[in-house]
N, C-alpha and C. Protein backbone atom coordinates (compact mmCIF):
# COMPACT_ATOMS: atom_id res chain seq x y z
N UNK A 1 28.81 -18.08 6.57
CA UNK A 1 28.68 -16.71 6.13
C UNK A 1 28.73 -15.81 7.34
N UNK A 2 29.37 -14.69 7.22
CA UNK A 2 29.49 -13.72 8.31
C UNK A 2 28.80 -12.43 7.88
N UNK A 3 27.93 -11.91 8.71
CA UNK A 3 27.20 -10.68 8.42
C UNK A 3 27.43 -9.70 9.55
N UNK A 4 27.80 -8.47 9.21
CA UNK A 4 27.94 -7.42 10.22
C UNK A 4 26.83 -6.40 10.01
N UNK A 5 26.27 -5.91 11.10
CA UNK A 5 25.23 -4.89 10.99
C UNK A 5 25.48 -3.81 12.01
N UNK A 6 24.98 -2.63 11.73
CA UNK A 6 25.11 -1.49 12.62
C UNK A 6 23.73 -1.13 13.12
N UNK A 7 23.56 -1.11 14.44
CA UNK A 7 22.25 -0.76 14.99
C UNK A 7 22.39 0.12 16.22
N UNK A 8 23.26 1.12 16.14
CA UNK A 8 23.43 2.02 17.27
C UNK A 8 24.38 1.44 18.29
N UNK A 9 24.18 1.84 19.55
CA UNK A 9 25.11 1.42 20.59
C UNK A 9 24.60 0.21 21.37
N UNK A 10 23.38 -0.19 21.15
CA UNK A 10 22.85 -1.35 21.88
C UNK A 10 22.75 -2.55 20.94
N UNK A 11 22.31 -3.65 21.47
CA UNK A 11 22.14 -4.87 20.68
C UNK A 11 20.69 -4.98 20.21
N UNK A 12 20.20 -3.96 19.55
CA UNK A 12 18.81 -3.98 19.09
C UNK A 12 18.64 -4.94 17.93
N UNK A 13 17.41 -5.43 17.73
CA UNK A 13 17.15 -6.39 16.66
C UNK A 13 17.42 -5.79 15.28
N UNK A 14 17.64 -6.69 14.32
CA UNK A 14 17.82 -6.22 12.94
C UNK A 14 17.20 -7.23 11.98
N UNK A 15 16.88 -6.76 10.80
CA UNK A 15 16.39 -7.62 9.72
C UNK A 15 17.56 -7.82 8.77
N UNK A 16 17.89 -9.08 8.52
CA UNK A 16 19.03 -9.43 7.67
C UNK A 16 18.51 -9.93 6.32
N UNK A 17 18.86 -9.26 5.22
CA UNK A 17 18.42 -9.73 3.91
C UNK A 17 19.21 -10.96 3.49
N UNK A 18 18.57 -11.84 2.72
CA UNK A 18 19.23 -13.04 2.21
C UNK A 18 18.68 -13.34 0.82
N UNK A 19 19.51 -13.92 -0.01
CA UNK A 19 19.09 -14.35 -1.34
C UNK A 19 19.33 -15.85 -1.45
N UNK A 20 18.29 -16.57 -1.85
CA UNK A 20 18.38 -18.01 -2.04
C UNK A 20 18.28 -18.27 -3.53
N UNK A 21 19.20 -19.05 -4.08
CA UNK A 21 19.18 -19.37 -5.50
C UNK A 21 18.72 -20.81 -5.70
N UNK A 22 17.80 -20.99 -6.65
CA UNK A 22 17.31 -22.31 -7.03
C UNK A 22 17.73 -22.51 -8.48
N UNK A 23 18.41 -23.63 -8.75
CA UNK A 23 18.93 -23.91 -10.08
C UNK A 23 18.18 -25.05 -10.74
N UNK A 24 17.86 -24.91 -12.02
CA UNK A 24 17.33 -26.01 -12.81
C UNK A 24 18.51 -26.62 -13.55
N UNK A 25 18.98 -27.76 -13.09
CA UNK A 25 20.14 -28.40 -13.67
C UNK A 25 19.80 -29.31 -14.85
N UNK A 26 18.50 -29.46 -15.14
CA UNK A 26 18.11 -30.29 -16.27
C UNK A 26 18.45 -29.59 -17.58
N UNK A 27 19.09 -30.29 -18.51
CA UNK A 27 19.37 -29.68 -19.81
C UNK A 27 18.17 -29.71 -20.75
N UNK A 28 17.11 -30.44 -20.38
CA UNK A 28 15.99 -30.63 -21.30
C UNK A 28 14.62 -30.21 -20.76
N UNK A 29 14.41 -30.35 -19.45
CA UNK A 29 13.07 -30.19 -18.90
C UNK A 29 12.89 -28.89 -18.12
N UNK A 30 11.72 -28.31 -18.24
CA UNK A 30 11.35 -27.15 -17.43
C UNK A 30 11.13 -27.62 -15.99
N UNK A 31 11.19 -26.68 -15.06
CA UNK A 31 11.05 -27.00 -13.64
C UNK A 31 10.11 -26.00 -12.97
N UNK A 32 9.27 -26.51 -12.08
CA UNK A 32 8.46 -25.65 -11.21
C UNK A 32 8.91 -25.91 -9.79
N UNK A 33 8.82 -24.89 -8.94
CA UNK A 33 9.27 -25.06 -7.56
C UNK A 33 8.36 -24.30 -6.60
N UNK A 34 8.37 -24.76 -5.35
CA UNK A 34 7.77 -24.06 -4.22
C UNK A 34 8.82 -24.07 -3.12
N UNK A 35 9.25 -22.89 -2.69
CA UNK A 35 10.19 -22.76 -1.59
C UNK A 35 9.41 -22.27 -0.38
N UNK A 36 9.44 -23.06 0.70
CA UNK A 36 8.74 -22.70 1.94
C UNK A 36 9.76 -22.38 3.02
N UNK A 37 9.57 -21.23 3.65
CA UNK A 37 10.42 -20.79 4.75
C UNK A 37 9.58 -20.74 6.01
N UNK A 38 9.93 -21.51 7.04
CA UNK A 38 9.11 -21.50 8.26
C UNK A 38 9.23 -20.17 8.98
N UNK A 39 8.13 -19.67 9.58
CA UNK A 39 8.20 -18.40 10.28
C UNK A 39 9.11 -18.45 11.50
N UNK A 40 9.18 -19.60 12.15
CA UNK A 40 10.10 -19.77 13.28
C UNK A 40 10.84 -21.08 13.09
N UNK A 41 11.94 -21.21 13.75
CA UNK A 41 12.79 -22.37 13.58
C UNK A 41 13.52 -22.65 14.87
N UNK A 42 13.47 -23.88 15.33
CA UNK A 42 14.22 -24.29 16.51
C UNK A 42 15.30 -25.26 16.06
N UNK A 43 16.55 -24.90 16.19
CA UNK A 43 17.64 -25.76 15.73
C UNK A 43 17.62 -27.12 16.42
N UNK A 44 17.99 -28.15 15.67
CA UNK A 44 18.04 -29.50 16.23
C UNK A 44 19.46 -30.03 16.33
N UNK A 45 20.43 -29.26 15.87
CA UNK A 45 21.82 -29.73 15.93
C UNK A 45 22.34 -29.64 17.36
N UNK A 46 23.49 -30.25 17.57
CA UNK A 46 24.07 -30.26 18.91
C UNK A 46 24.59 -28.89 19.32
N UNK A 47 24.92 -28.07 18.35
CA UNK A 47 25.42 -26.73 18.65
C UNK A 47 24.26 -25.86 19.16
N UNK A 48 24.60 -24.81 19.84
CA UNK A 48 23.59 -23.90 20.36
C UNK A 48 23.45 -22.70 19.43
N UNK A 49 22.59 -22.82 18.45
CA UNK A 49 22.36 -21.74 17.49
C UNK A 49 21.10 -20.97 17.88
N UNK A 50 21.07 -19.70 17.48
CA UNK A 50 19.91 -18.86 17.74
C UNK A 50 18.87 -19.13 16.66
N UNK A 51 17.58 -19.27 17.06
CA UNK A 51 16.54 -19.46 16.05
C UNK A 51 16.40 -18.23 15.15
N UNK A 52 16.27 -18.46 13.86
CA UNK A 52 16.01 -17.37 12.91
C UNK A 52 14.51 -17.29 12.67
N UNK A 53 14.01 -16.10 12.49
CA UNK A 53 12.60 -15.90 12.15
C UNK A 53 12.55 -15.26 10.78
N UNK A 54 12.04 -16.01 9.81
CA UNK A 54 11.87 -15.45 8.47
C UNK A 54 10.77 -14.40 8.52
N UNK A 55 10.96 -13.30 7.81
CA UNK A 55 9.94 -12.25 7.73
C UNK A 55 9.63 -12.00 6.26
N UNK A 56 8.43 -11.53 6.02
CA UNK A 56 8.01 -11.31 4.64
C UNK A 56 7.31 -12.54 4.09
N UNK A 57 7.39 -12.72 2.79
CA UNK A 57 6.74 -13.85 2.13
C UNK A 57 7.41 -15.15 2.55
N UNK A 58 6.60 -16.11 3.00
CA UNK A 58 7.13 -17.37 3.50
C UNK A 58 7.03 -18.50 2.47
N UNK A 59 6.29 -18.29 1.39
CA UNK A 59 6.18 -19.29 0.34
C UNK A 59 6.42 -18.62 -1.01
N UNK A 60 7.37 -19.14 -1.75
CA UNK A 60 7.75 -18.59 -3.05
C UNK A 60 7.52 -19.66 -4.11
N UNK A 61 6.85 -19.30 -5.21
CA UNK A 61 6.58 -20.24 -6.30
C UNK A 61 7.14 -19.68 -7.59
N UNK A 62 7.54 -20.58 -8.46
CA UNK A 62 8.04 -20.13 -9.74
C UNK A 62 8.31 -21.29 -10.67
N UNK A 63 8.70 -20.95 -11.87
CA UNK A 63 9.10 -21.96 -12.85
C UNK A 63 10.20 -21.38 -13.71
N UNK A 64 10.99 -22.24 -14.29
CA UNK A 64 12.03 -21.77 -15.18
C UNK A 64 12.40 -22.85 -16.19
N UNK A 65 13.03 -22.40 -17.26
CA UNK A 65 13.41 -23.27 -18.37
C UNK A 65 14.69 -24.04 -18.01
N UNK A 66 15.04 -25.03 -18.82
CA UNK A 66 16.27 -25.79 -18.57
C UNK A 66 17.49 -24.88 -18.45
N UNK A 67 18.30 -25.13 -17.42
CA UNK A 67 19.53 -24.39 -17.22
C UNK A 67 19.38 -23.03 -16.55
N UNK A 68 18.17 -22.57 -16.29
CA UNK A 68 17.97 -21.26 -15.67
C UNK A 68 18.10 -21.33 -14.15
N UNK A 69 18.27 -20.15 -13.54
CA UNK A 69 18.38 -20.01 -12.09
C UNK A 69 17.38 -18.97 -11.62
N UNK A 70 16.74 -19.24 -10.49
CA UNK A 70 15.84 -18.26 -9.87
C UNK A 70 16.50 -17.74 -8.60
N UNK A 71 16.50 -16.42 -8.41
CA UNK A 71 17.01 -15.79 -7.20
C UNK A 71 15.83 -15.30 -6.39
N UNK A 72 15.74 -15.76 -5.15
CA UNK A 72 14.60 -15.44 -4.29
C UNK A 72 15.12 -14.59 -3.13
N UNK A 73 14.58 -13.38 -3.02
CA UNK A 73 14.98 -12.47 -1.94
C UNK A 73 14.08 -12.68 -0.74
N UNK A 74 14.68 -12.78 0.42
CA UNK A 74 13.95 -12.95 1.66
C UNK A 74 14.71 -12.22 2.77
N UNK A 75 14.18 -12.25 3.96
CA UNK A 75 14.84 -11.64 5.12
C UNK A 75 14.53 -12.47 6.35
N UNK A 76 15.40 -12.35 7.33
CA UNK A 76 15.10 -12.95 8.62
C UNK A 76 15.46 -11.96 9.73
N UNK A 77 14.82 -12.15 10.87
CA UNK A 77 14.93 -11.24 11.99
C UNK A 77 15.83 -11.86 13.04
N UNK A 78 16.80 -11.08 13.52
CA UNK A 78 17.74 -11.53 14.53
C UNK A 78 17.70 -10.54 15.69
N UNK A 79 17.62 -11.06 16.90
CA UNK A 79 17.56 -10.18 18.06
C UNK A 79 18.94 -9.78 18.57
N UNK A 80 19.90 -10.71 18.55
CA UNK A 80 21.23 -10.46 19.09
C UNK A 80 22.28 -10.98 18.13
N UNK A 81 23.51 -10.46 18.22
CA UNK A 81 24.59 -11.09 17.46
C UNK A 81 24.70 -12.56 17.89
N UNK A 82 24.82 -13.47 16.92
CA UNK A 82 24.78 -14.89 17.25
C UNK A 82 25.18 -15.74 16.04
N UNK A 83 25.27 -17.04 16.28
CA UNK A 83 25.34 -18.01 15.20
C UNK A 83 23.91 -18.42 14.89
N UNK A 84 23.51 -18.34 13.64
CA UNK A 84 22.13 -18.60 13.25
C UNK A 84 22.12 -19.72 12.21
N UNK A 85 21.23 -20.68 12.39
CA UNK A 85 21.06 -21.77 11.44
C UNK A 85 19.69 -21.62 10.79
N UNK A 86 19.65 -21.71 9.46
CA UNK A 86 18.41 -21.51 8.72
C UNK A 86 17.80 -22.83 8.28
N UNK A 87 16.50 -22.82 8.01
CA UNK A 87 15.76 -24.00 7.57
C UNK A 87 14.88 -23.62 6.39
N UNK A 88 14.69 -24.55 5.47
CA UNK A 88 13.78 -24.32 4.35
C UNK A 88 13.33 -25.66 3.79
N UNK A 89 12.25 -25.61 2.98
CA UNK A 89 11.75 -26.79 2.28
C UNK A 89 11.54 -26.42 0.83
N UNK A 90 12.03 -27.26 -0.08
CA UNK A 90 11.92 -27.00 -1.50
C UNK A 90 11.23 -28.18 -2.16
N UNK A 91 10.07 -27.91 -2.79
CA UNK A 91 9.35 -28.92 -3.58
C UNK A 91 9.58 -28.59 -5.05
N UNK A 92 9.98 -29.60 -5.83
CA UNK A 92 10.36 -29.39 -7.23
C UNK A 92 9.64 -30.40 -8.12
N UNK A 93 9.23 -29.94 -9.31
CA UNK A 93 8.68 -30.82 -10.34
C UNK A 93 9.40 -30.53 -11.65
N UNK A 94 9.78 -31.58 -12.36
CA UNK A 94 10.24 -31.40 -13.73
C UNK A 94 9.11 -31.86 -14.64
N UNK A 95 9.03 -31.27 -15.80
CA UNK A 95 7.97 -31.64 -16.73
C UNK A 95 7.93 -30.70 -17.90
N UNK A 96 6.76 -30.62 -18.52
CA UNK A 96 6.60 -29.71 -19.64
C UNK A 96 5.16 -29.24 -19.72
N UNK A 97 4.99 -28.06 -20.29
CA UNK A 97 3.66 -27.48 -20.47
C UNK A 97 3.32 -27.51 -21.95
N UNK A 98 2.20 -28.16 -22.27
CA UNK A 98 1.72 -28.24 -23.64
C UNK A 98 0.28 -27.75 -23.66
N UNK A 99 0.03 -26.71 -24.47
CA UNK A 99 -1.31 -26.11 -24.60
C UNK A 99 -1.90 -25.74 -23.25
N UNK A 100 -1.08 -25.18 -22.37
CA UNK A 100 -1.53 -24.70 -21.07
C UNK A 100 -1.70 -25.76 -20.01
N UNK A 101 -1.34 -27.01 -20.31
CA UNK A 101 -1.47 -28.10 -19.34
C UNK A 101 -0.08 -28.60 -18.96
N UNK A 102 0.22 -28.54 -17.65
CA UNK A 102 1.52 -28.97 -17.14
C UNK A 102 1.50 -30.48 -16.92
N UNK A 103 2.46 -31.19 -17.49
CA UNK A 103 2.60 -32.63 -17.29
C UNK A 103 3.86 -32.88 -16.47
N UNK A 104 3.67 -33.51 -15.30
CA UNK A 104 4.78 -33.76 -14.38
C UNK A 104 5.52 -35.03 -14.81
N UNK A 105 6.83 -34.94 -14.88
CA UNK A 105 7.66 -36.10 -15.16
C UNK A 105 8.18 -36.71 -13.87
N UNK A 106 8.66 -35.84 -12.96
CA UNK A 106 9.20 -36.30 -11.68
C UNK A 106 9.03 -35.17 -10.67
N UNK A 107 8.77 -35.54 -9.42
CA UNK A 107 8.68 -34.52 -8.37
C UNK A 107 9.35 -35.04 -7.10
N UNK A 108 9.85 -34.11 -6.30
CA UNK A 108 10.47 -34.47 -5.04
C UNK A 108 10.48 -33.26 -4.12
N UNK A 109 10.66 -33.53 -2.83
CA UNK A 109 10.72 -32.48 -1.82
C UNK A 109 11.99 -32.68 -1.00
N UNK A 110 12.64 -31.57 -0.71
CA UNK A 110 13.86 -31.62 0.10
C UNK A 110 13.73 -30.61 1.23
N UNK A 111 13.97 -31.07 2.43
CA UNK A 111 13.97 -30.20 3.61
C UNK A 111 15.40 -30.06 4.09
N UNK A 112 15.81 -28.84 4.34
CA UNK A 112 17.20 -28.56 4.73
C UNK A 112 17.26 -27.79 6.03
N UNK A 113 18.23 -28.14 6.80
CA UNK A 113 18.65 -27.33 7.94
C UNK A 113 20.13 -27.13 7.74
N UNK A 114 20.56 -25.94 7.89
CA UNK A 114 21.98 -25.71 7.69
C UNK A 114 22.25 -24.28 7.31
N UNK A 115 23.40 -24.08 6.78
CA UNK A 115 23.78 -22.72 6.42
C UNK A 115 23.92 -21.87 7.67
N UNK A 116 24.91 -22.18 8.47
CA UNK A 116 25.12 -21.41 9.70
C UNK A 116 25.70 -20.04 9.33
N UNK A 117 25.09 -18.99 9.82
CA UNK A 117 25.51 -17.61 9.57
C UNK A 117 25.94 -16.99 10.87
N UNK A 118 27.04 -16.25 10.85
CA UNK A 118 27.51 -15.53 12.03
C UNK A 118 27.08 -14.08 11.90
N UNK A 119 26.26 -13.61 12.84
CA UNK A 119 25.75 -12.25 12.84
C UNK A 119 26.53 -11.47 13.90
N UNK A 120 27.21 -10.39 13.48
CA UNK A 120 27.97 -9.56 14.41
C UNK A 120 27.45 -8.14 14.35
N UNK A 121 27.55 -7.46 15.46
CA UNK A 121 27.15 -6.06 15.52
C UNK A 121 28.42 -5.21 15.47
N UNK A 122 28.37 -4.14 14.67
CA UNK A 122 29.48 -3.19 14.62
C UNK A 122 28.98 -1.86 15.13
N UNK A 123 29.86 -1.08 15.68
CA UNK A 123 29.48 0.21 16.24
C UNK A 123 29.17 1.21 15.13
N UNK A 124 28.15 2.04 15.35
CA UNK A 124 27.80 3.06 14.35
C UNK A 124 28.59 4.34 14.59
N UNK A 125 29.40 4.34 15.63
CA UNK A 125 30.19 5.52 15.95
C UNK A 125 31.67 5.22 15.73
N UNK A 126 32.42 6.20 15.23
CA UNK A 126 33.87 5.99 15.00
C UNK A 126 34.66 6.29 16.25
């Protein structure tokens, strides 16, 4: 993904908005999730990526019915134009709620590093 931002004539920091979508692919079972975004991140890949700093809410919780999608708005802070790699952790449970009691059928956690974004600065003057 490539993002351009305008921040005057210098390379001042900027907050970049991002939307993360979580899909419930089960045709039958409801899903609950917890999305955790680390406040800081040090890339472990061989490439030299700039660490992204998530800002705002770092833990998002929700649930949805079979086939639904949740869109989670977040932001991260970037100091300079760079290649940025993001990290997140998603814990998911499938199950059902009967009379206010949630019964878990299956649960798992997935940790991801990836989604390299190119951040470029554009001039605010013509």
